[in-house]
Amino acid sequence: MAAYDISEEKCFLQPEEQVFQAVLGAIAGLEGKVIEQDDSERKIKAYFPKTILGNTLGDRTHLLIDCLLDAEGTKISVLGYPVDAVQRKLMFGVRKGVTRKVITWFWAHVDHRLK
């Protein structure tokens, strides 16, 4: 894992389909785009631009999202990292805190959609 990667997991009590739809809604709500989606594996690759909801962040971000059934409910694991204009992973020149902010907003949107 590179220095700029952020990996997190969260578990939700709701059914897998409901959580998966909340994830898709959170991506759309944050003006992101689904680049790849595997419905059978419940995996999503999402792209977020430099500006989200009128806030200029300075870097673009990819999130790799997996929804998995867990003994406690549905677990979402997220791997986020900054990308350049042609969506290649950035290895230097990254603005501090951008990926963290996108992931924090993503969790907030998922939580909101599941309430």
C-alpha atoms as a PDB file:
ATOM      1  CA  MET A   1       0.000   0.000   0.000  1.00  0.00           C
ATOM      2  CA  ALA A   2       1.392   3.400  -0.993  1.00  0.00           C
ATOM      3  CA  ALA A   3       1.930   6.275   1.404  1.00  0.00           C
ATOM      4  CA  TYR A   4      -1.154   8.149   0.180  1.00  0.00           C
ATOM      5  CA  ASP A   5      -3.577   5.204   0.336  1.00  0.00           C
ATOM      6  CA  ILE A   6      -6.239   5.164   3.027  1.00  0.00           C
ATOM      7  CA  SER A   7      -7.985   1.907   3.885  1.00  0.00           C
ATOM      8  CA  GLU A   8     -11.012   1.670   6.203  1.00  0.00           C
ATOM      9  CA  GLU A   9     -13.825  -0.728   7.049  1.00  0.00           C
ATOM     10  CA  LYS A  10     -17.234  -0.236   8.597  1.00  0.00           C
ATOM     11  CA  CYS A  11     -19.959  -2.724   9.462  1.00  0.00           C
ATOM     12  CA  PHE A  12     -23.682  -2.020   9.062  1.00  0.00           C
ATOM     13  CA  LEU A  13     -26.617  -4.034  10.403  1.00  0.00           C
ATOM     14  CA  GLN A  14     -28.767  -3.536   7.290  1.00  0.00           C
ATOM     15  CA  PRO A  15     -29.054  -6.183   4.534  1.00  0.00           C
ATOM     16  CA  GLU A  16     -26.364  -6.316   1.855  1.00  0.00           C
ATOM     17  CA  GLU A  17     -28.588  -5.011  -0.966  1.00  0.00           C
ATOM     18  CA  GLN A  18     -29.705  -2.009   1.080  1.00  0.00           C
ATOM     19  CA  VAL A  19     -26.101  -1.157   1.992  1.00  0.00           C
ATOM     20  CA  PHE A  20     -24.970  -1.574  -1.625  1.00  0.00           C
ATOM     21  CA  GLN A  21     -27.703   0.828  -2.807  1.00  0.00           C
ATOM     22  CA  ALA A  22     -26.680   3.304  -0.073  1.00  0.00           C
ATOM     23  CA  VAL A  23     -23.094   3.136  -1.347  1.00  0.00           C
ATOM     24  CA  LEU A  24     -24.235   3.864  -4.909  1.00  0.00           C
ATOM     25  CA  GLY A  25     -26.384   6.732  -3.618  1.00  0.00           C
ATOM     26  CA  ALA A  26     -23.470   8.148  -1.626  1.00  0.00           C
ATOM     27  CA  ILE A  27     -21.259   8.144  -4.720  1.00  0.00           C
ATOM     28  CA  ALA A  28     -23.908   9.964  -6.747  1.00  0.00           C
ATOM     29  CA  GLY A  29     -24.626  12.353  -3.866  1.00  0.00           C
ATOM     30  CA  LEU A  30     -20.959  13.352  -3.776  1.00  0.00           C
ATOM     31  CA  GLU A  31     -20.925  13.976  -7.545  1.00  0.00           C
ATOM     32  CA  GLY A  32     -18.757  10.912  -8.108  1.00  0.00           C
ATOM     33  CA  LYS A  33     -18.874   8.507 -11.041  1.00  0.00           C
ATOM     34  CA  VAL A  34     -18.902   4.728 -10.946  1.00  0.00           C
ATOM     35  CA  ILE A  35     -16.074   3.606 -13.230  1.00  0.00           C
ATOM     36  CA  GLU A  36     -16.428  -0.136 -12.657  1.00  0.00           C
ATOM     37  CA  GLN A  37     -19.196  -2.067 -10.955  1.00  0.00           C
ATOM     38  CA  ASP A  38     -19.483  -5.788 -10.305  1.00  0.00           C
ATOM     39  CA  ASP A  39     -22.957  -6.476  -8.924  1.00  0.00           C
ATOM     40  CA  SER A  40     -22.302 -10.158  -8.250  1.00  0.00           C
ATOM     41  CA  GLU A  41     -19.104  -9.484  -6.277  1.00  0.00           C
ATOM     42  CA  ARG A  42     -20.457  -6.196  -4.808  1.00  0.00           C
ATOM     43  CA  LYS A  43     -17.352  -4.266  -5.858  1.00  0.00           C
ATOM     44  CA  ILE A  44     -17.248  -0.681  -7.087  1.00  0.00           C
ATOM     45  CA  LYS A  45     -14.517   1.591  -8.360  1.00  0.00           C
ATOM     46  CA  ALA A  46     -15.582   5.223  -8.065  1.00  0.00           C
ATOM     47  CA  TYR A  47     -13.995   8.475  -9.254  1.00  0.00           C
ATOM     48  CA  PHE A  48     -14.440  11.814  -7.492  1.00  0.00           C
ATOM     49  CA  PRO A  49     -13.447  15.115  -9.174  1.00  0.00           C
ATOM     50  CA  LYS A  50     -11.447  17.992  -7.685  1.00  0.00           C
ATOM     51  CA  THR A  51     -14.626  19.878  -6.776  1.00  0.00           C
ATOM     52  CA  ILE A  52     -17.341  18.163  -4.742  1.00  0.00           C
ATOM     53  CA  LEU A  53     -20.543  19.943  -3.734  1.00  0.00           C
ATOM     54  CA  GLY A  54     -18.962  23.321  -4.449  1.00  0.00           C
ATOM     55  CA  ASN A  55     -15.854  22.582  -2.348  1.00  0.00           C
ATOM     56  CA  THR A  56     -12.582  22.676  -4.274  1.00  0.00           C
ATOM     57  CA  LEU A  57     -10.363  19.963  -2.832  1.00  0.00           C
ATOM     58  CA  GLY A  58      -7.401  20.159  -5.188  1.00  0.00           C
ATOM     59  CA  ASP A  59      -6.988  16.461  -6.067  1.00  0.00           C
ATOM     60  CA  ARG A  60      -9.116  13.841  -7.734  1.00  0.00           C
ATOM     61  CA  THR A  61      -9.792  10.630  -5.818  1.00  0.00           C
ATOM     62  CA  HIS A  62     -10.510   6.975  -6.534  1.00  0.00           C
ATOM     63  CA  LEU A  63     -12.361   4.789  -4.044  1.00  0.00           C
ATOM     64  CA  LEU A  64     -12.331   1.003  -4.345  1.00  0.00           C
ATOM     65  CA  ILE A  65     -15.339  -0.251  -2.409  1.00  0.00           C
ATOM     66  CA  ASP A  66     -16.224  -3.829  -1.415  1.00  0.00           C
ATOM     67  CA  CYS A  67     -19.485  -4.836   0.274  1.00  0.00           C
ATOM     68  CA  LEU A  68     -19.198  -8.161   2.078  1.00  0.00           C
ATOM     69  CA  LEU A  69     -21.540 -10.182   4.237  1.00  0.00           C
ATOM     70  CA  ASP A  70     -20.143 -10.452   7.743  1.00  0.00           C
ATOM     71  CA  ALA A  71     -21.281 -12.247  10.895  1.00  0.00           C
ATOM     72  CA  GLU A  72     -22.290  -8.842  12.294  1.00  0.00           C
ATOM     73  CA  GLY A  73     -24.064  -7.576   9.144  1.00  0.00           C
ATOM     74  CA  THR A  74     -22.719  -6.024   5.962  1.00  0.00           C
ATOM     75  CA  LYS A  75     -19.124  -4.854   5.974  1.00  0.00           C
ATOM     76  CA  ILE A  76     -17.915  -2.137   3.615  1.00  0.00           C
ATOM     77  CA  SER A  77     -14.208  -1.850   3.005  1.00  0.00           C
ATOM     78  CA  VAL A  78     -12.876   1.247   1.240  1.00  0.00           C
ATOM     79  CA  LEU A  79      -9.460   1.905  -0.264  1.00  0.00           C
ATOM     80  CA  GLY A  80      -8.976   5.521  -1.331  1.00  0.00           C
ATOM     81  CA  TYR A  81      -6.100   7.177  -3.151  1.00  0.00           C
ATOM     82  CA  PRO A  82      -5.435  10.367  -5.163  1.00  0.00           C
ATOM     83  CA  VAL A  83      -5.293  10.267  -8.991  1.00  0.00           C
ATOM     84  CA  ASP A  84      -4.166  12.638 -11.726  1.00  0.00           C
ATOM     85  CA  ALA A  85      -6.221  14.060 -14.613  1.00  0.00           C
ATOM     86  CA  VAL A  86      -6.057  10.788 -16.577  1.00  0.00           C
ATOM     87  CA  GLN A  87      -6.864   8.763 -13.455  1.00  0.00           C
ATOM     88  CA  ARG A  88      -3.388   7.397 -12.783  1.00  0.00           C
ATOM     89  CA  LYS A  89      -2.469   6.936  -9.142  1.00  0.00           C
ATOM     90  CA  LEU A  90      -0.519   9.909  -7.763  1.00  0.00           C
ATOM     91  CA  MET A  91       2.764   9.018  -6.106  1.00  0.00           C
ATOM     92  CA  PHE A  92       3.943  12.572  -5.265  1.00  0.00           C
ATOM     93  CA  GLY A  93       2.622  16.132  -5.171  1.00  0.00           C
ATOM     94  CA  VAL A  94      -0.510  15.137  -3.277  1.00  0.00           C
ATOM     95  CA  ARG A  95      -2.451  17.741  -1.318  1.00  0.00           C
ATOM     96  CA  LYS A  96      -2.740  16.778   2.328  1.00  0.00           C
ATOM     97  CA  GLY A  97      -6.124  15.600   3.591  1.00  0.00           C
ATOM     98  CA  VAL A  98      -8.052  15.363   0.308  1.00  0.00           C
ATOM     99  CA  THR A  99      -8.510  11.576   0.249  1.00  0.00           C
ATOM    100  CA  ARG A 100      -9.334  11.607   3.974  1.00  0.00           C
ATOM    101  CA  LYS A 101     -12.035  14.249   3.388  1.00  0.00           C
ATOM    102  CA  VAL A 102     -13.601  12.298   0.499  1.00  0.00           C
ATOM    103  CA  ILE A 103     -13.724   9.115   2.595  1.00  0.00           C
ATOM    104  CA  THR A 104     -15.192  10.989   5.587  1.00  0.00           C
ATOM    105  CA  TRP A 105     -17.897  12.497   3.367  1.00  0.00           C
ATOM    106  CA  PHE A 106     -18.528   9.084   1.795  1.00  0.00           C
ATOM    107  CA  TRP A 107     -19.151   7.459   5.220  1.00  0.00           C
ATOM    108  CA  ALA A 108     -21.445  10.337   6.219  1.00  0.00           C
ATOM    109  CA  HIS A 109     -23.513   9.923   3.048  1.00  0.00           C
ATOM    110  CA  VAL A 110     -23.768   6.150   3.478  1.00  0.00           C
ATOM    111  CA  ASP A 111     -24.832   6.566   7.133  1.00  0.00           C
ATOM    112  CA  HIS A 112     -27.436   9.153   6.129  1.00  0.00           C
ATOM    113  CA  ARG A 113     -28.926   6.890   3.450  1.00  0.00           C
ATOM    114  CA  LEU A 114     -29.202   3.975   5.886  1.00  0.00           C
ATOM    115  CA  LYS A 115     -31.103   5.898   8.570  1.00  0.00           C
END
